[in-house]
Amino acid sequence: MDYEVSSPPAAPVAKPRQRLPLGIRADGEMTRTGIVFAFALGTIAVFLAFPVGVLGIVLSNMGMNRVSTKPETARKLVAWSWAIFAVTDSVMVLAVVTALISRS
């Protein structure tokens, strides 16, 4: 008797010609450089500006989940998360440095 073997469908992968989000590969995983920057910026944002840092992490995760199905939406979500991290971290680091300088 021949039985039909079924396997789960393969995960969709973004086409190589599509513009991918910054720091994200075609399969939705982060590049090594993206991991380093996301860890550093995300950690600073979460510890210094908790709600905004979490928002950046959530947007990045949503973008990574949409890379294969909606690459343009994924680009926008990941771009917003990087922008949130950059602005939040810059403002908070400047605030900490200013506070430290004013004490002396």
PDB file of N, CA and C in Angstrom:
ATOM      1  N   MET A   1       0.828  -1.166   0.000  1.00  0.00           N
ATOM      2  CA  MET A   1       0.000   0.000   0.000  1.00  0.00           C
ATOM      3  C   MET A   1       0.881   1.242   0.000  1.00  0.00           C
ATOM      4  N   ASP A   2       0.501   2.153  -0.805  1.00  0.00           N
ATOM      5  CA  ASP A   2       1.219   3.430  -0.853  1.00  0.00           C
ATOM      6  C   ASP A   2       0.432   4.468  -0.067  1.00  0.00           C
ATOM      7  N   TYR A   3       1.128   5.075   0.845  1.00  0.00           N
ATOM      8  CA  TYR A   3       0.518   6.138   1.624  1.00  0.00           C
ATOM      9  C   TYR A   3       1.113   7.465   1.197  1.00  0.00           C
ATOM     10  N   GLU A   4       0.254   8.424   1.139  1.00  0.00           N
ATOM     11  CA  GLU A   4       0.713   9.756   0.771  1.00  0.00           C
ATOM     12  C   GLU A   4       1.316  10.430   2.012  1.00  0.00           C
ATOM     13  N   VAL A   5       2.524  10.885   1.868  1.00  0.00           N
ATOM     14  CA  VAL A   5       3.203  11.538   2.974  1.00  0.00           C
ATOM     15  C   VAL A   5       2.964  13.038   2.861  1.00  0.00           C
ATOM     16  N   SER A   6       2.510  13.601   3.945  1.00  0.00           N
ATOM     17  CA  SER A   6       2.277  15.047   3.916  1.00  0.00           C
ATOM     18  C   SER A   6       3.238  15.716   4.889  1.00  0.00           C
ATOM     19  N   SER A   7       3.652  16.871   4.517  1.00  0.00           N
ATOM     20  CA  SER A   7       4.527  17.658   5.376  1.00  0.00           C
ATOM     21  C   SER A   7       3.967  19.063   5.444  1.00  0.00           C
ATOM     22  N   PRO A   8       4.336  19.780   6.476  1.00  0.00           N
ATOM     23  CA  PRO A   8       3.825  21.149   6.575  1.00  0.00           C
ATOM     24  C   PRO A   8       4.347  21.995   5.422  1.00  0.00           C
ATOM     25  N   PRO A   9       3.567  22.962   4.999  1.00  0.00           N
ATOM     26  CA  PRO A   9       4.022  23.820   3.899  1.00  0.00           C
ATOM     27  C   PRO A   9       5.270  24.593   4.306  1.00  0.00           C
ATOM     28  N   ALA A  10       6.100  24.833   3.320  1.00  0.00           N
ATOM     29  CA  ALA A  10       7.329  25.579   3.578  1.00  0.00           C
ATOM     30  C   ALA A  10       6.993  27.018   3.930  1.00  0.00           C
ATOM     31  N   ALA A  11       7.803  27.615   4.763  1.00  0.00           N
ATOM     32  CA  ALA A  11       7.598  29.014   5.140  1.00  0.00           C
ATOM     33  C   ALA A  11       7.880  29.903   3.937  1.00  0.00           C
ATOM     34  N   PRO A  12       7.013  30.855   3.663  1.00  0.00           N
ATOM     35  CA  PRO A  12       7.263  31.749   2.531  1.00  0.00           C
ATOM     36  C   PRO A  12       8.491  32.610   2.780  1.00  0.00           C
ATOM     37  N   VAL A  13       9.210  32.877   1.721  1.00  0.00           N
ATOM     38  CA  VAL A  13      10.424  33.692   1.802  1.00  0.00           C
ATOM     39  C   VAL A  13      10.271  34.860   0.842  1.00  0.00           C
ATOM     40  N   ALA A  14      10.684  36.019   1.278  1.00  0.00           N
ATOM     41  CA  ALA A  14      10.594  37.215   0.427  1.00  0.00           C
ATOM     42  C   ALA A  14      11.463  37.029  -0.809  1.00  0.00           C
ATOM     43  N   LYS A  15      11.000  37.562  -1.917  1.00  0.00           N
ATOM     44  CA  LYS A  15      11.771  37.476  -3.156  1.00  0.00           C
ATOM     45  C   LYS A  15      12.997  38.363  -3.047  1.00  0.00           C
ATOM     46  N   PRO A  16      14.126  37.941  -3.636  1.00  0.00           N
ATOM     47  CA  PRO A  16      15.352  38.707  -3.469  1.00  0.00           C
ATOM     48  C   PRO A  16      15.301  40.120  -4.048  1.00  0.00           C
ATOM     49  N   ARG A  17      14.436  40.386  -5.002  1.00  0.00           N
ATOM     50  CA  ARG A  17      14.389  41.706  -5.626  1.00  0.00           C
ATOM     51  C   ARG A  17      13.617  42.716  -4.779  1.00  0.00           C
ATOM     52  N   GLN A  18      12.869  42.234  -3.785  1.00  0.00           N
ATOM     53  CA  GLN A  18      12.123  43.145  -2.939  1.00  0.00           C
ATOM     54  C   GLN A  18      13.078  43.846  -1.975  1.00  0.00           C
ATOM     55  N   ARG A  19      12.790  45.101  -1.700  1.00  0.00           N
ATOM     56  CA  ARG A  19      13.606  45.831  -0.727  1.00  0.00           C
ATOM     57  C   ARG A  19      13.231  45.353   0.664  1.00  0.00           C
ATOM     58  N   LEU A  20      14.210  44.830   1.358  1.00  0.00           N
ATOM     59  CA  LEU A  20      13.974  44.303   2.693  1.00  0.00           C
ATOM     60  C   LEU A  20      14.198  45.384   3.738  1.00  0.00           C
ATOM     61  N   PRO A  21      13.593  45.227   4.910  1.00  0.00           N
ATOM     62  CA  PRO A  21      13.829  46.188   5.983  1.00  0.00           C
ATOM     63  C   PRO A  21      15.288  46.181   6.429  1.00  0.00           C
ATOM     64  N   LEU A  22      15.733  47.283   6.986  1.00  0.00           N
ATOM     65  CA  LEU A  22      17.099  47.429   7.461  1.00  0.00           C
ATOM     66  C   LEU A  22      17.392  46.398   8.546  1.00  0.00           C
ATOM     67  N   GLY A  23      18.428  45.585   8.325  1.00  0.00           N
ATOM     68  CA  GLY A  23      18.841  44.604   9.315  1.00  0.00           C
ATOM     69  C   GLY A  23      18.075  43.295   9.287  1.00  0.00           C
ATOM     70  N   ILE A  24      17.228  43.083   8.276  1.00  0.00           N
ATOM     71  CA  ILE A  24      16.405  41.872   8.189  1.00  0.00           C
ATOM     72  C   ILE A  24      16.747  41.122   6.910  1.00  0.00           C
ATOM     73  N   ARG A  25      16.904  39.788   7.016  1.00  0.00           N
ATOM     74  CA  ARG A  25      17.158  38.952   5.840  1.00  0.00           C
ATOM     75  C   ARG A  25      15.839  38.557   5.192  1.00  0.00           C
ATOM     76  N   ALA A  26      15.912  37.924   4.043  1.00  0.00           N
ATOM     77  CA  ALA A  26      14.716  37.553   3.280  1.00  0.00           C
ATOM     78  C   ALA A  26      13.835  36.548   4.018  1.00  0.00           C
ATOM     79  N   ASP A  27      14.422  35.754   4.913  1.00  0.00           N
ATOM     80  CA  ASP A  27      13.616  34.766   5.644  1.00  0.00           C
ATOM     81  C   ASP A  27      12.988  35.329   6.914  1.00  0.00           C
ATOM     82  N   GLY A  28      13.176  36.632   7.171  1.00  0.00           N
ATOM     83  CA  GLY A  28      12.568  37.273   8.330  1.00  0.00           C
ATOM     84  C   GLY A  28      13.467  37.311   9.554  1.00  0.00           C
ATOM     85  N   GLU A  29      14.633  36.721   9.474  1.00  0.00           N
ATOM     86  CA  GLU A  29      15.577  36.746  10.597  1.00  0.00           C
ATOM     87  C   GLU A  29      16.443  38.003  10.508  1.00  0.00           C
ATOM     88  N   MET A  30      17.020  38.391  11.624  1.00  0.00           N
ATOM     89  CA  MET A  30      17.875  39.574  11.642  1.00  0.00           C
ATOM     90  C   MET A  30      19.298  39.220  11.231  1.00  0.00           C
ATOM     91  N   THR A  31      19.975  40.173  10.595  1.00  0.00           N
ATOM     92  CA  THR A  31      21.383  39.995  10.263  1.00  0.00           C
ATOM     93  C   THR A  31      22.205  40.152  11.543  1.00  0.00           C
ATOM     94  N   ARG A  32      23.475  39.746  11.507  1.00  0.00           N
ATOM     95  CA  ARG A  32      24.316  39.878  12.707  1.00  0.00           C
ATOM     96  C   ARG A  32      24.455  41.333  13.131  1.00  0.00           C
ATOM     97  N   THR A  33      24.664  42.211  12.156  1.00  0.00           N
ATOM     98  CA  THR A  33      24.778  43.636  12.475  1.00  0.00           C
ATOM     99  C   THR A  33      23.473  44.157  13.055  1.00  0.00           C
ATOM    100  N   GLY A  34      22.359  43.734  12.480  1.00  0.00           N
ATOM    101  CA  GLY A  34      21.054  44.144  12.992  1.00  0.00           C
ATOM    102  C   GLY A  34      20.826  43.680  14.423  1.00  0.00           C
ATOM    103  N   ILE A  35      21.290  42.461  14.735  1.00  0.00           N
ATOM    104  CA  ILE A  35      21.137  41.929  16.088  1.00  0.00           C
ATOM    105  C   ILE A  35      21.917  42.784  17.081  1.00  0.00           C
ATOM    106  N   VAL A  36      23.150  43.125  16.727  1.00  0.00           N
ATOM    107  CA  VAL A  36      23.987  43.917  17.630  1.00  0.00           C
ATOM    108  C   VAL A  36      23.349  45.284  17.893  1.00  0.00           C
ATOM    109  N   PHE A  37      22.952  45.976  16.821  1.00  0.00           N
ATOM    110  CA  PHE A  37      22.355  47.296  16.995  1.00  0.00           C
ATOM    111  C   PHE A  37      21.014  47.223  17.710  1.00  0.00           C
ATOM    112  N   ALA A  38      20.188  46.230  17.368  1.00  0.00           N
ATOM    113  CA  ALA A  38      18.885  46.095  18.024  1.00  0.00           C
ATOM    114  C   ALA A  38      19.049  45.816  19.510  1.00  0.00           C
ATOM    115  N   PHE A  39      20.016  44.978  19.858  1.00  0.00           N
ATOM    116  CA  PHE A  39      20.242  44.682  21.274  1.00  0.00           C
ATOM    117  C   PHE A  39      20.692  45.928  22.027  1.00  0.00           C
ATOM    118  N   ALA A  40      21.663  46.624  21.470  1.00  0.00           N
ATOM    119  CA  ALA A  40      22.199  47.809  22.150  1.00  0.00           C
ATOM    120  C   ALA A  40      21.137  48.911  22.263  1.00  0.00           C
ATOM    121  N   LEU A  41      20.519  49.260  21.140  1.00  0.00           N
ATOM    122  CA  LEU A  41      19.528  50.341  21.158  1.00  0.00           C
ATOM    123  C   LEU A  41      18.283  49.958  21.943  1.00  0.00           C
ATOM    124  N   GLY A  42      17.850  48.706  21.803  1.00  0.00           N
ATOM    125  CA  GLY A  42      16.670  48.244  22.534  1.00  0.00           C
ATOM    126  C   GLY A  42      16.889  48.226  24.031  1.00  0.00           C
ATOM    127  N   THR A  43      18.074  47.794  24.457  1.00  0.00           N
ATOM    128  CA  THR A  43      18.374  47.761  25.887  1.00  0.00           C
ATOM    129  C   THR A  43      18.383  49.163  26.480  1.00  0.00           C
ATOM    130  N   ILE A  44      19.034  50.082  25.800  1.00  0.00           N
ATOM    131  CA  ILE A  44      19.064  51.464  26.288  1.00  0.00           C
ATOM    132  C   ILE A  44      17.656  52.045  26.330  1.00  0.00           C
ATOM    133  N   ALA A  45      16.882  51.804  25.272  1.00  0.00           N
ATOM    134  CA  ALA A  45      15.529  52.361  25.206  1.00  0.00           C
ATOM    135  C   ALA A  45      14.628  51.777  26.294  1.00  0.00           C
ATOM    136  N   VAL A  46      14.754  50.481  26.559  1.00  0.00           N
ATOM    137  CA  VAL A  46      13.892  49.865  27.564  1.00  0.00           C
ATOM    138  C   VAL A  46      14.247  50.356  28.966  1.00  0.00           C
ATOM    139  N   PHE A  47      15.539  50.496  29.264  1.00  0.00           N
ATOM    140  CA  PHE A  47      15.926  50.915  30.606  1.00  0.00           C
ATOM    141  C   PHE A  47      15.742  52.410  30.853  1.00  0.00           C
ATOM    142  N   LEU A  48      15.890  53.227  29.830  1.00  0.00           N
ATOM    143  CA  LEU A  48      15.796  54.666  30.037  1.00  0.00           C
ATOM    144  C   LEU A  48      14.427  55.250  29.682  1.00  0.00           C
ATOM    145  N   ALA A  49      13.705  54.617  28.800  1.00  0.00           N
ATOM    146  CA  ALA A  49      12.378  55.111  28.397  1.00  0.00           C
ATOM    147  C   ALA A  49      11.479  53.905  28.155  1.00  0.00           C
ATOM    148  N   PHE A  50      11.056  53.273  29.231  1.00  0.00           N
ATOM    149  CA  PHE A  50      10.392  51.972  29.160  1.00  0.00           C
ATOM    150  C   PHE A  50       9.254  51.863  28.144  1.00  0.00           C
ATOM    151  N   PRO A  51       8.210  52.662  28.213  1.00  0.00           N
ATOM    152  CA  PRO A  51       7.085  52.430  27.286  1.00  0.00           C
ATOM    153  C   PRO A  51       7.474  52.606  25.815  1.00  0.00           C
ATOM    154  N   VAL A  52       8.305  53.590  25.535  1.00  0.00           N
ATOM    155  CA  VAL A  52       8.695  53.852  24.150  1.00  0.00           C
ATOM    156  C   VAL A  52       9.621  52.742  23.645  1.00  0.00           C
ATOM    157  N   GLY A  53      10.493  52.245  24.505  1.00  0.00           N
ATOM    158  CA  GLY A  53      11.379  51.146  24.127  1.00  0.00           C
ATOM    159  C   GLY A  53      10.603  49.884  23.787  1.00  0.00           C
ATOM    160  N   VAL A  54       9.587  49.601  24.564  1.00  0.00           N
ATOM    161  CA  VAL A  54       8.744  48.427  24.296  1.00  0.00           C
ATOM    162  C   VAL A  54       7.996  48.613  22.981  1.00  0.00           C
ATOM    163  N   LEU A  55       7.537  49.820  22.712  1.00  0.00           N
ATOM    164  CA  LEU A  55       6.859  50.104  21.438  1.00  0.00           C
ATOM    165  C   LEU A  55       7.791  49.809  20.264  1.00  0.00           C
ATOM    166  N   GLY A  56       9.051  50.231  20.362  1.00  0.00           N
ATOM    167  CA  GLY A  56      10.017  49.953  19.299  1.00  0.00           C
ATOM    168  C   GLY A  56      10.230  48.463  19.098  1.00  0.00           C
ATOM    169  N   ILE A  57      10.306  47.709  20.179  1.00  0.00           N
ATOM    170  CA  ILE A  57      10.481  46.258  20.088  1.00  0.00           C
ATOM    171  C   ILE A  57       9.260  45.606  19.446  1.00  0.00           C
ATOM    172  N   VAL A  58       8.074  46.034  19.831  1.00  0.00           N
ATOM    173  CA  VAL A  58       6.840  45.461  19.267  1.00  0.00           C
ATOM    174  C   VAL A  58       6.750  45.753  17.769  1.00  0.00           C
ATOM    175  N   LEU A  59       7.049  46.986  17.357  1.00  0.00           N
ATOM    176  CA  LEU A  59       6.998  47.333  15.929  1.00  0.00           C
ATOM    177  C   LEU A  59       8.019  46.527  15.128  1.00  0.00           C
ATOM    178  N   SER A  60       9.205  46.354  15.672  1.00  0.00           N
ATOM    179  CA  SER A  60      10.233  45.567  14.995  1.00  0.00           C
ATOM    180  C   SER A  60       9.780  44.116  14.829  1.00  0.00           C
ATOM    181  N   ASN A  61       9.204  43.558  15.873  1.00  0.00           N
ATOM    182  CA  ASN A  61       8.718  42.177  15.808  1.00  0.00           C
ATOM    183  C   ASN A  61       7.597  42.032  14.790  1.00  0.00           C
ATOM    184  N   MET A  62       6.682  42.988  14.754  1.00  0.00           N
ATOM    185  CA  MET A  62       5.601  42.949  13.770  1.00  0.00           C
ATOM    186  C   MET A  62       6.162  43.012  12.354  1.00  0.00           C
ATOM    187  N   GLY A  63       7.169  43.864  12.149  1.00  0.00           N
ATOM    188  CA  GLY A  63       7.792  43.978  10.834  1.00  0.00           C
ATOM    189  C   GLY A  63       8.490  42.690  10.421  1.00  0.00           C
ATOM    190  N   MET A  64       9.201  42.066  11.371  1.00  0.00           N
ATOM    191  CA  MET A  64       9.900  40.821  11.047  1.00  0.00           C
ATOM    192  C   MET A  64       8.916  39.707  10.684  1.00  0.00           C
ATOM    193  N   ASN A  65       7.745  39.711  11.303  1.00  0.00           N
ATOM    194  CA  ASN A  65       6.741  38.703  10.991  1.00  0.00           C
ATOM    195  C   ASN A  65       6.092  38.926   9.624  1.00  0.00           C
ATOM    196  N   ARG A  66       6.150  40.138   9.107  1.00  0.00           N
ATOM    197  CA  ARG A  66       5.492  40.446   7.828  1.00  0.00           C
ATOM    198  C   ARG A  66       6.449  40.496   6.641  1.00  0.00           C
ATOM    199  N   VAL A  67       7.710  40.151   6.811  1.00  0.00           N
ATOM    200  CA  VAL A  67       8.691  40.249   5.730  1.00  0.00           C
ATOM    201  C   VAL A  67       8.274  39.412   4.531  1.00  0.00           C
ATOM    202  N   SER A  68       7.797  38.209   4.751  1.00  0.00           N
ATOM    203  CA  SER A  68       7.482  37.321   3.634  1.00  0.00           C
ATOM    204  C   SER A  68       6.115  37.599   3.024  1.00  0.00           C
ATOM    205  N   THR A  69       5.191  38.165   3.787  1.00  0.00           N
ATOM    206  CA  THR A  69       3.846  38.372   3.249  1.00  0.00           C
ATOM    207  C   THR A  69       3.607  39.791   2.744  1.00  0.00           C
ATOM    208  N   LYS A  70       4.077  40.784   3.484  1.00  0.00           N
ATOM    209  CA  LYS A  70       3.878  42.185   3.105  1.00  0.00           C
ATOM    210  C   LYS A  70       5.190  42.936   3.292  1.00  0.00           C
ATOM    211  N   PRO A  71       6.122  42.819   2.341  1.00  0.00           N
ATOM    212  CA  PRO A  71       7.445  43.424   2.540  1.00  0.00           C
ATOM    213  C   PRO A  71       7.426  44.942   2.693  1.00  0.00           C
ATOM    214  N   GLU A  72       6.531  45.639   2.022  1.00  0.00           N
ATOM    215  CA  GLU A  72       6.483  47.096   2.146  1.00  0.00           C
ATOM    216  C   GLU A  72       6.021  47.516   3.541  1.00  0.00           C
ATOM    217  N   THR A  73       5.015  46.823   4.062  1.00  0.00           N
ATOM    218  CA  THR A  73       4.556  47.093   5.421  1.00  0.00           C
ATOM    219  C   THR A  73       5.657  46.764   6.420  1.00  0.00           C
ATOM    220  N   ALA A  74       6.367  45.672   6.165  1.00  0.00           N
ATOM    221  CA  ALA A  74       7.468  45.270   7.040  1.00  0.00           C
ATOM    222  C   ALA A  74       8.549  46.344   7.061  1.00  0.00           C
ATOM    223  N   ARG A  75       8.878  46.893   5.900  1.00  0.00           N
ATOM    224  CA  ARG A  75       9.890  47.957   5.835  1.00  0.00           C
ATOM    225  C   ARG A  75       9.474  49.153   6.685  1.00  0.00           C
ATOM    226  N   LYS A  76       8.210  49.543   6.588  1.00  0.00           N
ATOM    227  CA  LYS A  76       7.732  50.706   7.341  1.00  0.00           C
ATOM    228  C   LYS A  76       7.773  50.444   8.841  1.00  0.00           C
ATOM    229  N   LEU A  77       7.324  49.268   9.256  1.00  0.00           N
ATOM    230  CA  LEU A  77       7.313  48.947  10.680  1.00  0.00           C
ATOM    231  C   LEU A  77       8.721  48.908  11.263  1.00  0.00           C
ATOM    232  N   VAL A  78       9.639  48.258  10.547  1.00  0.00           N
ATOM    233  CA  VAL A  78      11.014  48.170  11.041  1.00  0.00           C
ATOM    234  C   VAL A  78      11.674  49.549  11.010  1.00  0.00           C
ATOM    235  N   ALA A  79      11.393  50.346   9.989  1.00  0.00           N
ATOM    236  CA  ALA A  79      11.953  51.698   9.928  1.00  0.00           C
ATOM    237  C   ALA A  79      11.452  52.537  11.108  1.00  0.00           C
ATOM    238  N   TRP A  80      10.175  52.415  11.441  1.00  0.00           N
ATOM    239  CA  TRP A  80       9.644  53.142  12.593  1.00  0.00           C
ATOM    240  C   TRP A  80      10.306  52.670  13.884  1.00  0.00           C
ATOM    241  N   SER A  81      10.551  51.379  13.999  1.00  0.00           N
ATOM    242  CA  SER A  81      11.182  50.885  15.230  1.00  0.00           C
ATOM    243  C   SER A  81      12.612  51.411  15.355  1.00  0.00           C
ATOM    244  N   TRP A  82      13.372  51.410  14.238  1.00  0.00           N
ATOM    245  CA  TRP A  82      14.736  51.961  14.283  1.00  0.00           C
ATOM    246  C   TRP A  82      14.691  53.442  14.622  1.00  0.00           C
ATOM    247  N   ALA A  83      13.736  54.174  14.057  1.00  0.00           N
ATOM    248  CA  ALA A  83      13.617  55.610  14.337  1.00  0.00           C
ATOM    249  C   ALA A  83      13.293  55.846  15.810  1.00  0.00           C
ATOM    250  N   ILE A  84      12.381  55.054  16.353  1.00  0.00           N
ATOM    251  CA  ILE A  84      12.035  55.185  17.769  1.00  0.00           C
ATOM    252  C   ILE A  84      13.262  54.936  18.635  1.00  0.00           C
ATOM    253  N   PHE A  85      14.010  53.873  18.319  1.00  0.00           N
ATOM    254  CA  PHE A  85      15.214  53.568  19.095  1.00  0.00           C
ATOM    255  C   PHE A  85      16.235  54.707  18.996  1.00  0.00           C
ATOM    256  N   ALA A  86      16.470  55.194  17.800  1.00  0.00           N
ATOM    257  CA  ALA A  86      17.494  56.225  17.603  1.00  0.00           C
ATOM    258  C   ALA A  86      17.127  57.516  18.323  1.00  0.00           C
ATOM    259  N   VAL A  87      15.914  57.980  18.145  1.00  0.00           N
ATOM    260  CA  VAL A  87      15.491  59.237  18.766  1.00  0.00           C
ATOM    261  C   VAL A  87      15.436  59.092  20.290  1.00  0.00           C
ATOM    262  N   THR A  88      14.817  58.032  20.766  1.00  0.00           N
ATOM    263  CA  THR A  88      14.697  57.824  22.207  1.00  0.00           C
ATOM    264  C   THR A  88      16.069  57.718  22.865  1.00  0.00           C
ATOM    265  N   ASP A  89      16.943  56.906  22.270  1.00  0.00           N
ATOM    266  CA  ASP A  89      18.270  56.722  22.850  1.00  0.00           C
ATOM    267  C   ASP A  89      19.069  58.018  22.828  1.00  0.00           C
ATOM    268  N   SER A  90      18.980  58.768  21.738  1.00  0.00           N
ATOM    269  CA  SER A  90      19.716  60.034  21.659  1.00  0.00           C
ATOM    270  C   SER A  90      19.247  61.008  22.727  1.00  0.00           C
ATOM    271  N   VAL A  91      17.943  61.157  22.855  1.00  0.00           N
ATOM    272  CA  VAL A  91      17.394  62.090  23.832  1.00  0.00           C
ATOM    273  C   VAL A  91      17.740  61.650  25.250  1.00  0.00           C
ATOM    274  N   MET A  92      17.589  60.367  25.537  1.00  0.00           N
ATOM    275  CA  MET A  92      17.834  59.889  26.895  1.00  0.00           C
ATOM    276  C   MET A  92      19.317  59.941  27.257  1.00  0.00           C
ATOM    277  N   VAL A  93      20.201  59.610  26.330  1.00  0.00           N
ATOM    278  CA  VAL A  93      21.641  59.688  26.612  1.00  0.00           C
ATOM    279  C   VAL A  93      22.041  61.141  26.836  1.00  0.00           C
ATOM    280  N   LEU A  94      21.522  62.054  26.018  1.00  0.00           N
ATOM    281  CA  LEU A  94      21.801  63.485  26.233  1.00  0.00           C
ATOM    282  C   LEU A  94      21.274  63.956  27.586  1.00  0.00           C
ATOM    283  N   ALA A  95      20.103  63.475  27.978  1.00  0.00           N
ATOM    284  CA  ALA A  95      19.537  63.862  29.270  1.00  0.00           C
ATOM    285  C   ALA A  95      20.416  63.338  30.421  1.00  0.00           C
ATOM    286  N   VAL A  96      20.880  62.121  30.322  1.00  0.00           N
ATOM    287  CA  VAL A  96      21.727  61.554  31.373  1.00  0.00           C
ATOM    288  C   VAL A  96      23.053  62.291  31.448  1.00  0.00           C
ATOM    289  N   VAL A  97      23.664  62.558  30.288  1.00  0.00           N
ATOM    290  CA  VAL A  97      24.932  63.283  30.258  1.00  0.00           C
ATOM    291  C   VAL A  97      24.747  64.697  30.824  1.00  0.00           C
ATOM    292  N   THR A  98      23.678  65.363  30.450  1.00  0.00           N
ATOM    293  CA  THR A  98      23.402  66.704  30.956  1.00  0.00           C
ATOM    294  C   THR A  98      23.211  66.682  32.468  1.00  0.00           C
ATOM    295  N   ALA A  99      22.493  65.688  32.968  1.00  0.00           N
ATOM    296  CA  ALA A  99      22.279  65.574  34.408  1.00  0.00           C
ATOM    297  C   ALA A  99      23.588  65.334  35.143  1.00  0.00           C
ATOM    298  N   LEU A 100      24.448  64.508  34.559  1.00  0.00           N
ATOM    299  CA  LEU A 100      25.742  64.228  35.195  1.00  0.00           C
ATOM    300  C   LEU A 100      26.644  65.459  35.182  1.00  0.00           C
ATOM    301  N   ILE A 101      26.627  66.205  34.094  1.00  0.00           N
ATOM    302  CA  ILE A 101      27.458  67.411  33.987  1.00  0.00           C
ATOM    303  C   ILE A 101      26.962  68.499  34.951  1.00  0.00           C
ATOM    304  N   SER A 102      25.644  68.637  35.077  1.00  0.00           N
ATOM    305  CA  SER A 102      25.102  69.682  35.942  1.00  0.00           C
ATOM    306  C   SER A 102      25.361  69.420  37.420  1.00  0.00           C
ATOM    307  N   ARG A 103      25.605  68.185  37.794  1.00  0.00           N
ATOM    308  CA  ARG A 103      25.909  67.857  39.189  1.00  0.00           C
ATOM    309  C   ARG A 103      27.303  68.318  39.607  1.00  0.00           C
ATOM    310  N   SER A 104      28.192  68.404  38.655  1.00  0.00           N
ATOM    311  CA  SER A 104      29.571  68.762  39.020  1.00  0.00           C
ATOM    312  C   SER A 104      29.838  70.240  39.013  1.00  0.00           C
TER     313      SER A 104
END
